[in-house]
Amino acid sequence: MTTQTTTHLEFGHLHHPLLGRRVIDHGHDDRVGILRALAPDPKDNNPGLVLWIPDTPPVAWLSPVGGGVEWTTGPDQIEAAP
């Protein structure tokens, strides 16, 4: 598993060395996806404009390699895919 750095980007997002790369999600049966963001999860599922940064721990936002619906997992559950 990788360790995250705490460099802050905009809107509550954090830098991670694997952003934009294929990763293995050990929290979801070793599913492979693209790490899109490391950011808080707003939890309210409001599709509208978010005007505040949620005060929640960051989660890893992943998208399927071939496209589809994103999912989230714990940042400590991902590592670089071969």
N, C-alpha and C. Protein backbone atom coordinates (compact mmCIF):
# COMPACT_ATOMS: atom_id res chain seq x y z
N MET A 1 0.84 -1.17 0.00
CA MET A 1 0.00 0.00 0.00
C MET A 1 0.90 1.24 0.00
N THR A 2 0.36 2.33 -0.49
CA THR A 2 1.14 3.55 -0.55
C THR A 2 0.78 4.47 0.60
N THR A 3 1.68 5.36 0.90
CA THR A 3 1.38 6.37 1.91
C THR A 3 1.10 7.67 1.20
N GLN A 4 0.16 8.41 1.71
CA GLN A 4 -0.20 9.66 1.07
C GLN A 4 0.66 10.79 1.57
N THR A 5 0.89 11.75 0.70
CA THR A 5 1.53 12.98 1.15
C THR A 5 0.43 13.96 1.49
N THR A 6 0.73 14.98 2.24
CA THR A 6 -0.32 15.89 2.68
C THR A 6 -0.26 17.23 1.96
N THR A 7 0.27 17.27 0.76
CA THR A 7 0.26 18.50 -0.01
C THR A 7 -1.18 18.79 -0.40
N HIS A 8 -1.67 19.95 -0.02
CA HIS A 8 -3.05 20.31 -0.32
C HIS A 8 -3.15 20.94 -1.70
N LEU A 9 -4.13 20.49 -2.45
CA LEU A 9 -4.47 21.08 -3.73
C LEU A 9 -5.72 21.94 -3.47
N GLU A 10 -6.50 22.23 -4.47
CA GLU A 10 -7.70 23.04 -4.26
C GLU A 10 -8.91 22.23 -3.82
N PHE A 11 -9.86 22.88 -3.18
CA PHE A 11 -11.15 22.31 -2.80
C PHE A 11 -11.04 21.07 -1.93
N GLY A 12 -10.06 21.03 -1.04
CA GLY A 12 -9.93 19.91 -0.12
C GLY A 12 -9.23 18.70 -0.69
N HIS A 13 -8.80 18.76 -1.93
CA HIS A 13 -8.11 17.63 -2.55
C HIS A 13 -6.66 17.59 -2.07
N LEU A 14 -6.13 16.38 -1.98
CA LEU A 14 -4.75 16.17 -1.56
C LEU A 14 -3.94 15.60 -2.72
N HIS A 15 -2.66 15.87 -2.71
CA HIS A 15 -1.77 15.29 -3.72
C HIS A 15 -1.50 13.83 -3.34
N HIS A 16 -1.36 13.00 -4.33
CA HIS A 16 -0.97 11.60 -4.13
C HIS A 16 -0.10 11.20 -5.31
N PRO A 17 0.98 10.47 -5.10
CA PRO A 17 1.88 10.13 -6.19
C PRO A 17 1.24 9.26 -7.28
N LEU A 18 0.10 8.64 -7.00
CA LEU A 18 -0.53 7.76 -7.98
C LEU A 18 -1.71 8.41 -8.71
N LEU A 19 -1.93 9.70 -8.54
CA LEU A 19 -3.02 10.37 -9.24
C LEU A 19 -2.91 10.16 -10.75
N GLY A 20 -4.01 9.74 -11.36
CA GLY A 20 -4.04 9.52 -12.80
C GLY A 20 -3.48 8.17 -13.24
N ARG A 21 -3.06 7.36 -12.28
CA ARG A 21 -2.46 6.06 -12.63
C ARG A 21 -3.37 4.91 -12.23
N ARG A 22 -3.11 3.75 -12.82
CA ARG A 22 -3.86 2.54 -12.46
C ARG A 22 -3.44 2.08 -11.07
N VAL A 23 -4.44 1.74 -10.25
CA VAL A 23 -4.18 1.25 -8.90
C VAL A 23 -5.03 0.02 -8.64
N ILE A 24 -4.59 -0.76 -7.67
CA ILE A 24 -5.35 -1.91 -7.19
C ILE A 24 -6.03 -1.49 -5.91
N ASP A 25 -7.33 -1.74 -5.82
CA ASP A 25 -8.10 -1.42 -4.62
C ASP A 25 -8.28 -2.69 -3.81
N HIS A 26 -7.47 -2.85 -2.78
CA HIS A 26 -7.54 -4.05 -1.95
C HIS A 26 -8.79 -4.07 -1.08
N GLY A 27 -9.44 -2.95 -0.92
CA GLY A 27 -10.68 -2.90 -0.14
C GLY A 27 -11.89 -3.40 -0.91
N HIS A 28 -11.76 -3.59 -2.22
CA HIS A 28 -12.86 -4.06 -3.05
C HIS A 28 -12.38 -5.20 -3.96
N ASP A 29 -11.94 -6.27 -3.34
CA ASP A 29 -11.56 -7.50 -4.06
C ASP A 29 -10.51 -7.27 -5.14
N ASP A 30 -9.53 -6.41 -4.86
CA ASP A 30 -8.42 -6.14 -5.78
C ASP A 30 -8.89 -5.60 -7.13
N ARG A 31 -9.97 -4.85 -7.10
CA ARG A 31 -10.48 -4.20 -8.31
C ARG A 31 -9.46 -3.18 -8.79
N VAL A 32 -9.27 -3.08 -10.10
CA VAL A 32 -8.32 -2.14 -10.68
C VAL A 32 -9.07 -0.93 -11.22
N GLY A 33 -8.55 0.25 -10.92
CA GLY A 33 -9.15 1.49 -11.41
C GLY A 33 -8.10 2.57 -11.54
N ILE A 34 -8.53 3.74 -11.98
CA ILE A 34 -7.67 4.91 -12.12
C ILE A 34 -7.92 5.82 -10.92
N LEU A 35 -6.87 6.20 -10.21
CA LEU A 35 -7.02 7.11 -9.09
C LEU A 35 -7.28 8.51 -9.63
N ARG A 36 -8.47 9.02 -9.39
CA ARG A 36 -8.87 10.34 -9.91
C ARG A 36 -8.68 11.45 -8.89
N ALA A 37 -8.83 11.14 -7.62
CA ALA A 37 -8.72 12.18 -6.59
C ALA A 37 -8.54 11.55 -5.22
N LEU A 38 -7.99 12.33 -4.33
CA LEU A 38 -7.93 12.00 -2.92
C LEU A 38 -8.56 13.21 -2.24
N ALA A 39 -9.81 13.06 -1.80
CA ALA A 39 -10.57 14.20 -1.33
C ALA A 39 -11.65 13.74 -0.35
N PRO A 40 -12.19 14.68 0.43
CA PRO A 40 -13.28 14.33 1.33
C PRO A 40 -14.51 13.85 0.56
N ASP A 41 -15.32 13.03 1.22
CA ASP A 41 -16.57 12.56 0.64
C ASP A 41 -17.70 13.35 1.29
N PRO A 42 -18.47 14.13 0.52
CA PRO A 42 -19.50 14.98 1.12
C PRO A 42 -20.63 14.21 1.79
N LYS A 43 -20.82 12.95 1.48
CA LYS A 43 -21.78 12.06 2.13
C LYS A 43 -23.25 12.38 1.89
N ASP A 44 -23.62 13.59 1.51
CA ASP A 44 -25.05 13.90 1.37
C ASP A 44 -25.60 13.63 -0.02
N ASN A 45 -24.74 13.23 -0.94
CA ASN A 45 -25.14 12.89 -2.31
C ASN A 45 -25.90 14.01 -3.01
N ASN A 46 -25.65 15.23 -2.64
CA ASN A 46 -26.28 16.37 -3.28
C ASN A 46 -25.57 16.62 -4.61
N PRO A 47 -26.27 16.48 -5.74
CA PRO A 47 -25.60 16.66 -7.03
C PRO A 47 -25.34 18.12 -7.38
N GLY A 48 -25.77 19.04 -6.55
CA GLY A 48 -25.60 20.46 -6.83
C GLY A 48 -24.20 20.96 -6.49
N LEU A 49 -24.04 22.23 -6.59
CA LEU A 49 -22.77 22.89 -6.32
C LEU A 49 -22.39 22.76 -4.84
N VAL A 50 -21.17 22.35 -4.58
CA VAL A 50 -20.67 22.24 -3.21
C VAL A 50 -19.94 23.53 -2.88
N LEU A 51 -20.39 24.23 -1.87
CA LEU A 51 -19.82 25.53 -1.52
C LEU A 51 -18.90 25.47 -0.32
N TRP A 52 -18.69 24.31 0.25
CA TRP A 52 -17.84 24.17 1.42
C TRP A 52 -17.08 22.85 1.32
N ILE A 53 -15.98 22.78 2.01
CA ILE A 53 -15.18 21.55 2.03
C ILE A 53 -15.63 20.73 3.23
N PRO A 54 -16.12 19.51 3.00
CA PRO A 54 -16.59 18.69 4.11
C PRO A 54 -15.47 18.41 5.11
N ASP A 55 -15.84 18.38 6.37
CA ASP A 55 -14.88 18.07 7.43
C ASP A 55 -14.90 16.57 7.69
N THR A 56 -14.51 15.81 6.68
CA THR A 56 -14.47 14.35 6.78
C THR A 56 -13.11 13.87 6.30
N PRO A 57 -12.70 12.68 6.69
CA PRO A 57 -11.41 12.16 6.22
C PRO A 57 -11.43 11.99 4.70
N PRO A 58 -10.28 12.12 4.06
CA PRO A 58 -10.25 11.94 2.60
C PRO A 58 -10.45 10.48 2.22
N VAL A 59 -11.02 10.29 1.05
CA VAL A 59 -11.16 8.96 0.46
C VAL A 59 -10.53 9.00 -0.92
N ALA A 60 -10.17 7.83 -1.42
CA ALA A 60 -9.62 7.72 -2.78
C ALA A 60 -10.80 7.53 -3.73
N TRP A 61 -10.85 8.40 -4.75
CA TRP A 61 -11.90 8.32 -5.77
C TRP A 61 -11.30 7.62 -6.98
N LEU A 62 -11.91 6.47 -7.35
CA LEU A 62 -11.40 5.65 -8.44
C LEU A 62 -12.44 5.54 -9.55
N SER A 63 -11.96 5.44 -10.79
CA SER A 63 -12.87 5.19 -11.91
C SER A 63 -12.42 3.92 -12.61
N PRO A 64 -13.37 3.16 -13.17
CA PRO A 64 -13.01 1.94 -13.89
C PRO A 64 -12.11 2.26 -15.07
N VAL A 65 -11.20 1.38 -15.37
CA VAL A 65 -10.25 1.58 -16.47
C VAL A 65 -10.97 1.79 -17.79
N GLY A 66 -12.03 1.07 -18.06
CA GLY A 66 -12.74 1.18 -19.32
C GLY A 66 -13.89 2.18 -19.30
N GLY A 67 -14.01 2.95 -18.23
CA GLY A 67 -15.12 3.88 -18.08
C GLY A 67 -16.21 3.29 -17.22
N GLY A 68 -17.06 4.13 -16.70
CA GLY A 68 -18.16 3.66 -15.86
C GLY A 68 -18.29 4.50 -14.61
N VAL A 69 -18.93 3.95 -13.62
CA VAL A 69 -19.24 4.67 -12.39
C VAL A 69 -18.07 4.64 -11.43
N GLU A 70 -17.72 5.82 -10.90
CA GLU A 70 -16.64 5.92 -9.91
C GLU A 70 -17.05 5.24 -8.60
N TRP A 71 -16.04 4.89 -7.82
CA TRP A 71 -16.28 4.39 -6.47
C TRP A 71 -15.21 4.97 -5.56
N THR A 72 -15.42 4.82 -4.27
CA THR A 72 -14.45 5.33 -3.30
C THR A 72 -13.93 4.18 -2.45
N THR A 73 -12.75 4.41 -1.90
CA THR A 73 -12.14 3.44 -1.00
C THR A 73 -11.19 4.20 -0.07
N GLY A 74 -10.71 3.54 0.94
CA GLY A 74 -9.75 4.16 1.84
C GLY A 74 -8.41 4.36 1.16
N PRO A 75 -7.76 5.49 1.41
CA PRO A 75 -6.46 5.75 0.80
C PRO A 75 -5.41 4.68 1.12
N ASP A 76 -5.56 4.03 2.25
CA ASP A 76 -4.60 2.99 2.63
C ASP A 76 -4.90 1.65 1.95
N GLN A 77 -5.94 1.59 1.14
CA GLN A 77 -6.32 0.35 0.45
C GLN A 77 -5.79 0.25 -0.97
N ILE A 78 -5.10 1.29 -1.44
CA ILE A 78 -4.65 1.29 -2.83
C ILE A 78 -3.13 1.15 -2.95
N GLU A 79 -2.72 0.56 -4.06
CA GLU A 79 -1.31 0.52 -4.42
C GLU A 79 -1.23 0.50 -5.94
N ALA A 80 -0.07 0.83 -6.47
CA ALA A 80 0.14 0.88 -7.91
C ALA A 80 -0.12 -0.48 -8.53
N ALA A 81 -0.82 -0.47 -9.66
CA ALA A 81 -1.07 -1.72 -10.40
C ALA A 81 0.12 -1.97 -11.31
N PRO A 82 0.44 -3.24 -11.53
CA PRO A 82 1.56 -3.56 -12.43
C PRO A 82 1.26 -3.19 -13.87
